[in-house]
C-alpha atoms as a PDB file:
ATOM      1  CA  UNK A   1     -11.727 -35.077  19.383  1.00  0.00           C
ATOM      2  CA  UNK A   2     -14.327 -34.855  16.170  1.00  0.00           C
ATOM      3  CA  UNK A   3     -12.969 -34.359  13.435  1.00  0.00           C
ATOM      4  CA  UNK A   4     -15.435 -31.701  11.338  1.00  0.00           C
ATOM      5  CA  UNK A   5     -18.600 -31.832   9.853  1.00  0.00           C
ATOM      6  CA  UNK A   6     -20.580 -29.921   7.967  1.00  0.00           C
ATOM      7  CA  UNK A   7     -23.905 -28.257   9.089  1.00  0.00           C
ATOM      8  CA  UNK A   8     -24.344 -26.583   6.040  1.00  0.00           C
ATOM      9  CA  UNK A   9     -22.768 -27.382   2.587  1.00  0.00           C
ATOM     10  CA  UNK A  10     -21.817 -24.341   0.081  1.00  0.00           C
ATOM     11  CA  UNK A  11     -24.456 -24.081  -3.038  1.00  0.00           C
ATOM     12  CA  UNK A  12     -23.650 -23.495  -6.356  1.00  0.00           C
ATOM     13  CA  UNK A  13     -24.692 -19.627  -7.251  1.00  0.00           C
ATOM     14  CA  UNK A  14     -26.528 -18.148 -10.452  1.00  0.00           C
ATOM     15  CA  UNK A  15     -25.948 -14.396 -10.493  1.00  0.00           C
ATOM     16  CA  UNK A  16     -25.320 -11.412 -12.933  1.00  0.00           C
ATOM     17  CA  UNK A  17     -21.675  -9.355 -12.865  1.00  0.00           C
ATOM     18  CA  UNK A  18     -21.693  -6.157 -10.494  1.00  0.00           C
ATOM     19  CA  UNK A  19     -24.113  -8.311  -7.610  1.00  0.00           C
ATOM     20  CA  UNK A  20     -22.691  -9.608  -4.356  1.00  0.00           C
ATOM     21  CA  UNK A  21     -23.090 -13.230  -2.918  1.00  0.00           C
ATOM     22  CA  UNK A  22     -22.143 -15.333  -0.209  1.00  0.00           C
ATOM     23  CA  UNK A  23     -21.235 -19.098   0.068  1.00  0.00           C
ATOM     24  CA  UNK A  24     -22.362 -20.596   3.101  1.00  0.00           C
ATOM     25  CA  UNK A  25     -20.315 -22.794   4.768  1.00  0.00           C
ATOM     26  CA  UNK A  26     -20.984 -23.815   8.901  1.00  0.00           C
ATOM     27  CA  UNK A  27     -19.213 -26.750  10.700  1.00  0.00           C
ATOM     28  CA  UNK A  28     -19.162 -28.280  13.822  1.00  0.00           C
ATOM     29  CA  UNK A  29     -16.203 -30.447  15.330  1.00  0.00           C
ATOM     30  CA  UNK A  30     -13.872 -30.770  18.832  1.00  0.00           C
ATOM     31  CA  UNK A  31     -11.596 -28.413  18.771  1.00  0.00           C
ATOM     32  CA  UNK A  32     -13.515 -26.026  16.805  1.00  0.00           C
ATOM     33  CA  UNK A  33     -12.718 -26.844  12.800  1.00  0.00           C
ATOM     34  CA  UNK A  34     -10.462 -23.846  11.386  1.00  0.00           C
ATOM     35  CA  UNK A  35     -11.975 -22.936   7.523  1.00  0.00           C
ATOM     36  CA  UNK A  36     -10.442 -21.532   4.097  1.00  0.00           C
ATOM     37  CA  UNK A  37     -11.996 -21.793   1.048  1.00  0.00           C
ATOM     38  CA  UNK A  38      -9.851 -22.232  -2.493  1.00  0.00           C
ATOM     39  CA  UNK A  39     -11.142 -21.138  -5.672  1.00  0.00           C
ATOM     40  CA  UNK A  40      -9.822 -23.439  -8.711  1.00  0.00           C
ATOM     41  CA  UNK A  41      -7.394 -24.452  -6.563  1.00  0.00           C
ATOM     42  CA  UNK A  42      -5.754 -21.597  -5.435  1.00  0.00           C
ATOM     43  CA  UNK A  43      -5.945 -20.266  -1.962  1.00  0.00           C
ATOM     44  CA  UNK A  44      -8.533 -17.005  -1.584  1.00  0.00           C
ATOM     45  CA  UNK A  45      -6.864 -13.971  -0.120  1.00  0.00           C
ATOM     46  CA  UNK A  46      -9.044 -12.096   1.725  1.00  0.00           C
ATOM     47  CA  UNK A  47      -9.525  -8.442   0.702  1.00  0.00           C
ATOM     48  CA  UNK A  48     -11.756  -5.658   0.164  1.00  0.00           C
ATOM     49  CA  UNK A  49     -13.801  -8.173  -2.259  1.00  0.00           C
ATOM     50  CA  UNK A  50     -13.525 -10.911  -1.536  1.00  0.00           C
ATOM     51  CA  UNK A  51     -14.682 -11.447   2.674  1.00  0.00           C
ATOM     52  CA  UNK A  52     -14.529 -13.761   5.207  1.00  0.00           C
ATOM     53  CA  UNK A  53     -17.875 -14.243   7.032  1.00  0.00           C
ATOM     54  CA  UNK A  54     -18.716 -15.190  10.575  1.00  0.00           C
ATOM     55  CA  UNK A  55     -15.538 -16.828  10.627  1.00  0.00           C
ATOM     56  CA  UNK A  56     -17.039 -19.460   7.685  1.00  0.00           C
ATOM     57  CA  UNK A  57     -18.836 -18.330   4.937  1.00  0.00           C
ATOM     58  CA  UNK A  58     -17.048 -16.240   1.864  1.00  0.00           C
ATOM     59  CA  UNK A  59     -18.969 -13.254   0.248  1.00  0.00           C
ATOM     60  CA  UNK A  60     -17.649 -11.684  -3.024  1.00  0.00           C
ATOM     61  CA  UNK A  61     -18.752  -7.967  -3.955  1.00  0.00           C
ATOM     62  CA  UNK A  62     -18.787  -7.121  -6.734  1.00  0.00           C
ATOM     63  CA  UNK A  63     -18.785 -10.092  -9.451  1.00  0.00           C
ATOM     64  CA  UNK A  64     -16.679  -9.533 -12.260  1.00  0.00           C
ATOM     65  CA  UNK A  65     -16.715 -12.582 -15.210  1.00  0.00           C
ATOM     66  CA  UNK A  66     -13.128 -14.155 -13.099  1.00  0.00           C
ATOM     67  CA  UNK A  67     -15.274 -14.782 -10.548  1.00  0.00           C
ATOM     68  CA  UNK A  68     -16.526 -17.343 -12.247  1.00  0.00           C
ATOM     69  CA  UNK A  69     -15.479 -20.861 -11.437  1.00  0.00           C
ATOM     70  CA  UNK A  70     -15.545 -23.474  -8.244  1.00  0.00           C
ATOM     71  CA  UNK A  71     -15.273 -22.913  -4.844  1.00  0.00           C
ATOM     72  CA  UNK A  72     -14.199 -25.241  -2.385  1.00  0.00           C
ATOM     73  CA  UNK A  73     -14.712 -24.661   1.743  1.00  0.00           C
ATOM     74  CA  UNK A  74     -12.254 -26.700   3.819  1.00  0.00           C
ATOM     75  CA  UNK A  75     -12.627 -27.626   7.620  1.00  0.00           C
ATOM     76  CA  UNK A  76      -9.878 -29.095   9.353  1.00  0.00           C
ATOM     77  CA  UNK A  77      -8.796 -29.626  13.057  1.00  0.00           C
ATOM     78  CA  UNK A  78      -6.939 -31.919  15.048  1.00  0.00           C
ATOM     79  CA  UNK A  79      -9.100 -34.727  14.293  1.00  0.00           C
ATOM     80  CA  UNK A  80      -9.601 -34.453  10.850  1.00  0.00           C
ATOM     81  CA  UNK A  81     -10.203 -32.418   8.153  1.00  0.00           C
ATOM     82  CA  UNK A  82     -13.412 -32.426   5.143  1.00  0.00           C
ATOM     83  CA  UNK A  83     -14.127 -30.106   2.049  1.00  0.00           C
ATOM     84  CA  UNK A  84     -17.164 -29.231  -0.039  1.00  0.00           C
ATOM     85  CA  UNK A  85     -17.478 -27.564  -2.902  1.00  0.00           C
ATOM     86  CA  UNK A  86     -19.964 -25.274  -4.843  1.00  0.00           C
ATOM     87  CA  UNK A  87     -19.795 -23.512  -8.279  1.00  0.00           C
ATOM     88  CA  UNK A  88     -20.326 -19.830  -9.256  1.00  0.00           C
ATOM     89  CA  UNK A  89     -21.601 -19.261 -12.677  1.00  0.00           C
ATOM     90  CA  UNK A  90     -21.872 -15.618 -14.129  1.00  0.00           C
ATOM     91  CA  UNK A  91     -24.982 -15.595 -16.294  1.00  0.00           C
ATOM     92  CA  UNK A  92     -25.320 -12.954 -19.091  1.00  0.00           C
ATOM     93  CA  UNK A  93     -28.544 -10.920 -19.086  1.00  0.00           C
ATOM     94  CA  UNK A  94     -31.447 -12.482 -21.100  1.00  0.00           C
ATOM     95  CA  UNK A  95     -30.443 -15.827 -19.502  1.00  0.00           C
ATOM     96  CA  UNK A  96     -31.794 -17.899 -16.676  1.00  0.00           C
ATOM     97  CA  UNK A  97     -35.440 -16.613 -16.045  1.00  0.00           C
ATOM     98  CA  UNK A  98     -33.789 -13.086 -17.094  1.00  0.00           C
ATOM     99  CA  UNK A  99     -36.365 -11.934 -20.618  1.00  0.00           C
ATOM    100  CA  UNK A 100     -34.958 -10.765 -23.523  1.00  0.00           C
ATOM    101  CA  UNK A 101     -36.148  -7.269 -23.789  1.00  0.00           C
ATOM    102  CA  UNK A 102     -39.308  -7.448 -26.484  1.00  0.00           C
ATOM    103  CA  UNK A 103     -40.504  -4.021 -26.177  1.00  0.00           C
ATOM    104  CA  UNK A 104     -39.091  -0.400 -25.484  1.00  0.00           C
ATOM    105  CA  UNK A 105     -36.753  -0.128 -22.635  1.00  0.00           C
ATOM    106  CA  UNK A 106     -36.147   3.004 -20.499  1.00  0.00           C
ATOM    107  CA  UNK A 107     -33.907   5.982 -21.207  1.00  0.00           C
ATOM    108  CA  UNK A 108     -31.622   7.745 -19.257  1.00  0.00           C
ATOM    109  CA  UNK A 109     -32.565   8.828 -15.671  1.00  0.00           C
ATOM    110  CA  UNK A 110     -32.025  12.314 -15.176  1.00  0.00           C
ATOM    111  CA  UNK A 111     -29.897  14.789 -12.982  1.00  0.00           C
ATOM    112  CA  UNK A 112     -28.132  12.465 -11.077  1.00  0.00           C
ATOM    113  CA  UNK A 113     -26.766  14.290  -7.837  1.00  0.00           C
ATOM    114  CA  UNK A 114     -25.175  13.272  -4.741  1.00  0.00           C
ATOM    115  CA  UNK A 115     -27.380  15.073  -2.190  1.00  0.00           C
ATOM    116  CA  UNK A 116     -25.637  14.412   1.179  1.00  0.00           C
ATOM    117  CA  UNK A 117     -21.979  13.484   1.112  1.00  0.00           C
ATOM    118  CA  UNK A 118     -20.523  12.010   3.945  1.00  0.00           C
ATOM    119  CA  UNK A 119     -17.358   9.779   5.393  1.00  0.00           C
ATOM    120  CA  UNK A 120     -18.667   6.362   4.408  1.00  0.00           C
ATOM    121  CA  UNK A 121     -22.082   6.622   2.708  1.00  0.00           C
ATOM    122  CA  UNK A 122     -23.228   8.669  -0.056  1.00  0.00           C
ATOM    123  CA  UNK A 123     -26.915   9.585  -0.867  1.00  0.00           C
ATOM    124  CA  UNK A 124     -28.091   9.635  -4.180  1.00  0.00           C
ATOM    125  CA  UNK A 125     -31.177  11.273  -5.877  1.00  0.00           C
ATOM    126  CA  UNK A 126     -32.456  11.865 -10.046  1.00  0.00           C
ATOM    127  CA  UNK A 127     -35.051  12.374 -12.409  1.00  0.00           C
ATOM    128  CA  UNK A 128     -36.981   9.981 -14.344  1.00  0.00           C
ATOM    129  CA  UNK A 129     -36.084   9.136 -17.446  1.00  0.00           C
ATOM    130  CA  UNK A 130     -37.558  11.482 -20.248  1.00  0.00           C
ATOM    131  CA  UNK A 131     -38.910   8.310 -22.168  1.00  0.00           C
ATOM    132  CA  UNK A 132     -40.049   5.926 -19.560  1.00  0.00           C
ATOM    133  CA  UNK A 133     -42.136   3.536 -21.715  1.00  0.00           C
ATOM    134  CA  UNK A 134     -44.015   1.902 -18.857  1.00  0.00           C
ATOM    135  CA  UNK A 135     -44.950   2.586 -15.120  1.00  0.00           C
ATOM    136  CA  UNK A 136     -43.365   1.412 -11.888  1.00  0.00           C
ATOM    137  CA  UNK A 137     -39.859   1.860 -12.953  1.00  0.00           C
ATOM    138  CA  UNK A 138     -37.200  -0.002 -10.825  1.00  0.00           C
ATOM    139  CA  UNK A 139     -33.681   1.272 -10.208  1.00  0.00           C
ATOM    140  CA  UNK A 140     -30.549   0.020  -9.960  1.00  0.00           C
ATOM    141  CA  UNK A 141     -27.044   2.037  -8.953  1.00  0.00           C
ATOM    142  CA  UNK A 142     -24.257   0.888 -10.308  1.00  0.00           C
ATOM    143  CA  UNK A 143     -20.820   1.763  -8.437  1.00  0.00           C
ATOM    144  CA  UNK A 144     -17.325   1.380  -8.240  1.00  0.00           C
ATOM    145  CA  UNK A 145     -13.934   3.094  -6.205  1.00  0.00           C
ATOM    146  CA  UNK A 146     -11.768   5.081  -8.482  1.00  0.00           C
ATOM    147  CA  UNK A 147      -9.142   2.672  -9.814  1.00  0.00           C
ATOM    148  CA  UNK A 148     -11.241  -0.850  -9.246  1.00  0.00           C
ATOM    149  CA  UNK A 149     -12.810  -2.481 -11.976  1.00  0.00           C
ATOM    150  CA  UNK A 150     -15.464  -4.277  -9.905  1.00  0.00           C
ATOM    151  CA  UNK A 151     -18.604  -2.444 -10.742  1.00  0.00           C
ATOM    152  CA  UNK A 152     -21.117  -3.451  -7.832  1.00  0.00           C
ATOM    153  CA  UNK A 153     -24.926  -2.525  -7.669  1.00  0.00           C
ATOM    154  CA  UNK A 154     -27.839  -1.500  -5.075  1.00  0.00           C
ATOM    155  CA  UNK A 155     -31.457  -1.555  -6.033  1.00  0.00           C
ATOM    156  CA  UNK A 156     -34.116   0.272  -4.873  1.00  0.00           C
ATOM    157  CA  UNK A 157     -36.443  -0.473  -2.669  1.00  0.00           C
ATOM    158  CA  UNK A 158     -39.413  -0.209  -4.203  1.00  0.00           C
ATOM    159  CA  UNK A 159     -41.088   0.738  -7.359  1.00  0.00           C
ATOM    160  CA  UNK A 160     -40.225   4.562  -8.645  1.00  0.00           C
ATOM    161  CA  UNK A 161     -38.661   5.265  -5.641  1.00  0.00           C
ATOM    162  CA  UNK A 162     -35.676   7.554  -7.191  1.00  0.00           C
ATOM    163  CA  UNK A 163     -32.825   7.923  -4.096  1.00  0.00           C
ATOM    164  CA  UNK A 164     -31.132   5.659  -2.585  1.00  0.00           C
ATOM    165  CA  UNK A 165     -28.264   5.491   0.130  1.00  0.00           C
ATOM    166  CA  UNK A 166     -25.067   3.767  -0.799  1.00  0.00           C
ATOM    167  CA  UNK A 167     -23.161   2.935   2.638  1.00  0.00           C
ATOM    168  CA  UNK A 168     -20.011   1.618   4.044  1.00  0.00           C
ATOM    169  CA  UNK A 169     -17.773   3.366   1.630  1.00  0.00           C
ATOM    170  CA  UNK A 170     -14.210   4.280   2.419  1.00  0.00           C
ATOM    171  CA  UNK A 171     -13.375   8.082   3.844  1.00  0.00           C
ATOM    172  CA  UNK A 172     -11.595  10.225   1.723  1.00  0.00           C
ATOM    173  CA  UNK A 173     -12.145   8.166  -1.877  1.00  0.00           C
ATOM    174  CA  UNK A 174     -13.141   9.328  -4.587  1.00  0.00           C
ATOM    175  CA  UNK A 175     -16.429   6.740  -6.226  1.00  0.00           C
ATOM    176  CA  UNK A 176     -17.818   6.491  -9.483  1.00  0.00           C
ATOM    177  CA  UNK A 177     -22.250   6.134  -9.964  1.00  0.00           C
ATOM    178  CA  UNK A 178     -24.551   5.969 -12.672  1.00  0.00           C
ATOM    179  CA  UNK A 179     -28.097   4.831 -12.804  1.00  0.00           C
ATOM    180  CA  UNK A 180     -29.878   2.352 -14.608  1.00  0.00           C
ATOM    181  CA  UNK A 181     -34.330   2.261 -14.758  1.00  0.00           C
ATOM    182  CA  UNK A 182     -36.633  -1.301 -15.072  1.00  0.00           C
ATOM    183  CA  UNK A 183     -39.168  -1.019 -17.101  1.00  0.00           C
ATOM    184  CA  UNK A 184     -41.101  -4.918 -17.780  1.00  0.00           C
ATOM    185  CA  UNK A 185     -39.071  -5.210 -21.170  1.00  0.00           C
ATOM    186  CA  UNK A 186     -35.728  -5.058 -19.316  1.00  0.00           C
ATOM    187  CA  UNK A 187     -32.975  -2.892 -18.318  1.00  0.00           C
ATOM    188  CA  UNK A 188     -32.415   1.002 -19.920  1.00  0.00           C
ATOM    189  CA  UNK A 189     -30.203   3.504 -21.203  1.00  0.00           C
ATOM    190  CA  UNK A 190     -27.696   4.313 -18.016  1.00  0.00           C
ATOM    191  CA  UNK A 191     -26.855   7.445 -16.788  1.00  0.00           C
ATOM    192  CA  UNK A 192     -24.132   9.654 -16.992  1.00  0.00           C
ATOM    193  CA  UNK A 193     -21.298   8.678 -14.742  1.00  0.00           C
ATOM    194  CA  UNK A 194     -20.915  10.929 -11.510  1.00  0.00           C
ATOM    195  CA  UNK A 195     -17.811  11.137  -9.720  1.00  0.00           C
ATOM    196  CA  UNK A 196     -18.178  12.221  -5.768  1.00  0.00           C
ATOM    197  CA  UNK A 197     -15.035  11.731  -3.445  1.00  0.00           C
ATOM    198  CA  UNK A 198     -16.435  11.234   0.472  1.00  0.00           C
ATOM    199  CA  UNK A 199     -15.200  13.324   3.298  1.00  0.00           C
ATOM    200  CA  UNK A 200     -12.160  12.710   5.121  1.00  0.00           C
ATOM    201  CA  UNK A 201     -11.915  11.880   8.799  1.00  0.00           C
ATOM    202  CA  UNK A 202      -9.880  13.858   9.968  1.00  0.00           C
ATOM    203  CA  UNK A 203     -11.585  14.034  13.994  1.00  0.00           C
ATOM    204  CA  UNK A 204     -10.741  10.847  14.738  1.00  0.00           C
ATOM    205  CA  UNK A 205      -7.471   9.088  16.225  1.00  0.00           C
ATOM    206  CA  UNK A 206      -5.905   6.515  14.014  1.00  0.00           C
ATOM    207  CA  UNK A 207      -5.680   2.437  15.271  1.00  0.00           C
ATOM    208  CA  UNK A 208      -3.762   1.666  18.337  1.00  0.00           C
ATOM    209  CA  UNK A 209      -0.912   0.394  17.218  1.00  0.00           C
ATOM    210  CA  UNK A 210       1.149  -2.861  18.602  1.00  0.00           C
ATOM    211  CA  UNK A 211      -1.863  -4.533  20.239  1.00  0.00           C
ATOM    212  CA  UNK A 212      -0.819  -7.446  22.521  1.00  0.00           C
ATOM    213  CA  UNK A 213      -2.892 -10.077  24.468  1.00  0.00           C
ATOM    214  CA  UNK A 214      -0.707 -12.823  27.289  1.00  0.00           C
ATOM    215  CA  UNK A 215      -3.411 -14.891  29.013  1.00  0.00           C
ATOM    216  CA  UNK A 216      -2.828 -14.359  32.825  1.00  0.00           C
ATOM    217  CA  UNK A 217      -5.405 -16.781  34.293  1.00  0.00           C
ATOM    218  CA  UNK A 218      -7.542 -19.594  33.133  1.00  0.00           C
ATOM    219  CA  UNK A 219     -10.292 -16.855  33.096  1.00  0.00           C
ATOM    220  CA  UNK A 220      -8.611 -13.599  32.233  1.00  0.00           C
ATOM    221  CA  UNK A 221      -6.308 -11.864  29.377  1.00  0.00           C
ATOM    222  CA  UNK A 222      -4.100  -8.949  30.100  1.00  0.00           C
ATOM    223  CA  UNK A 223      -4.382  -6.736  26.841  1.00  0.00           C
ATOM    224  CA  UNK A 224      -1.602  -3.573  25.774  1.00  0.00           C
ATOM    225  CA  UNK A 225      -1.069  -1.409  23.354  1.00  0.00           C
ATOM    226  CA  UNK A 226       0.772   1.905  22.195  1.00  0.00           C
ATOM    227  CA  UNK A 227      -0.990   5.736  21.762  1.00  0.00           C
ATOM    228  CA  UNK A 228      -2.281   6.099  18.236  1.00  0.00           C
ATOM    229  CA  UNK A 229       0.385   7.730  16.085  1.00  0.00           C
ATOM    230  CA  UNK A 230      -2.396  10.415  14.900  1.00  0.00           C
ATOM    231  CA  UNK A 231      -4.497  11.015  17.295  1.00  0.00           C
ATOM    232  CA  UNK A 232      -5.845  14.064  16.212  1.00  0.00           C
ATOM    233  CA  UNK A 233      -5.618  15.796  19.168  1.00  0.00           C
ATOM    234  CA  UNK A 234      -5.518  14.506  22.855  1.00  0.00           C
ATOM    235  CA  UNK A 235      -7.014  10.332  23.468  1.00  0.00           C
ATOM    236  CA  UNK A 236      -9.749  10.417  25.750  1.00  0.00           C
ATOM    237  CA  UNK A 237     -10.764   7.611  26.204  1.00  0.00           C
ATOM    238  CA  UNK A 238      -9.955   3.466  25.159  1.00  0.00           C
ATOM    239  CA  UNK A 239     -12.547   0.861  24.194  1.00  0.00           C
ATOM    240  CA  UNK A 240     -11.968  -2.443  24.390  1.00  0.00           C
ATOM    241  CA  UNK A 241     -14.043  -4.990  21.958  1.00  0.00           C
ATOM    242  CA  UNK A 242     -13.863  -9.152  21.989  1.00  0.00           C
ATOM    243  CA  UNK A 243     -15.983 -12.006  21.049  1.00  0.00           C
ATOM    244  CA  UNK A 244     -15.312 -15.333  21.716  1.00  0.00           C
ATOM    245  CA  UNK A 245     -14.803 -17.654  18.587  1.00  0.00           C
ATOM    246  CA  UNK A 246     -18.156 -19.363  16.764  1.00  0.00           C
ATOM    247  CA  UNK A 247     -20.155 -16.380  18.015  1.00  0.00           C
ATOM    248  CA  UNK A 248     -21.308 -13.566  15.932  1.00  0.00           C
ATOM    249  CA  UNK A 249     -21.779 -11.149  19.352  1.00  0.00           C
ATOM    250  CA  UNK A 250     -19.165  -8.664  19.810  1.00  0.00           C
ATOM    251  CA  UNK A 251     -18.910  -7.493  23.169  1.00  0.00           C
ATOM    252  CA  UNK A 252     -17.410  -4.238  24.314  1.00  0.00           C
ATOM    253  CA  UNK A 253     -15.814  -3.493  28.251  1.00  0.00           C
ATOM    254  CA  UNK A 254     -15.710   0.022  29.817  1.00  0.00           C
ATOM    255  CA  UNK A 255     -13.510   2.773  28.824  1.00  0.00           C
ATOM    256  CA  UNK A 256     -10.193   3.258  30.065  1.00  0.00           C
ATOM    257  CA  UNK A 257      -8.930   6.171  30.355  1.00  0.00           C
ATOM    258  CA  UNK A 258      -6.256   7.646  27.816  1.00  0.00           C
ATOM    259  CA  UNK A 259      -3.284  10.157  27.645  1.00  0.00           C
ATOM    260  CA  UNK A 260      -0.692   7.189  28.555  1.00  0.00           C
ATOM    261  CA  UNK A 261       1.830   5.526  26.412  1.00  0.00           C
ATOM    262  CA  UNK A 262       1.674   1.778  27.298  1.00  0.00           C
ATOM    263  CA  UNK A 263      -1.763   0.498  28.744  1.00  0.00           C
ATOM    264  CA  UNK A 264      -2.164  -2.933  30.486  1.00  0.00           C
ATOM    265  CA  UNK A 265      -6.123  -3.781  30.446  1.00  0.00           C
ATOM    266  CA  UNK A 266      -7.174  -7.015  32.095  1.00  0.00           C
ATOM    267  CA  UNK A 267      -9.981  -8.908  30.576  1.00  0.00           C
ATOM    268  CA  UNK A 268     -12.120 -11.244  32.477  1.00  0.00           C
END
């Protein structure tokens, strides 16, 4: 048995509101340590905006001022425990190397439209500002799901590009979007808010409920589950996805024919 040891400790992060950040925390030990995150002494509860990535790293989406504070990575196994902390500092625009405007900034981008709407992504396009006040403009798209106060940001990939695709959205949900142009003097005016709803995902089954796993031999596990409550038609097949703890690669087993009420499945 080996107590936890840090391979990579979380580092201090300086960021602006609406950005996404990730604290990295890599640990080793035997048995494999479990990792928990604490912010200012309170446990971090995973949610749509606080996500545990690769079992150890903490991702925070759409920063708000209240996210600022001290974050601790706590690693523990049967042989002992360790902890390491880092600070998240929310910057004001104009600090930490972001210059205050020294000249005119762009006016608002024009005619922001959703040119393509799907169940989980939306493509936005727009026209340049009437008063760019410079060349090689870049753009930032701010967006949030209706009913939340966390506004996220997505930047265009190159100067002059006037379209962006926002992915990993929720089906049948309403979102708000606005676009801001940047020139060498800083952030310009914001466009009007555009409200768009993603399409409903009506052609796929719901989740398979009551998933259970029983270890039957040292090298095999038997899985069982019930038929989805919402099938949207007959279920044709099931696929079983699994991942070894501590690895990033998810594997998939061959399809299992659908149609039954309770399915036993041997995983070796």
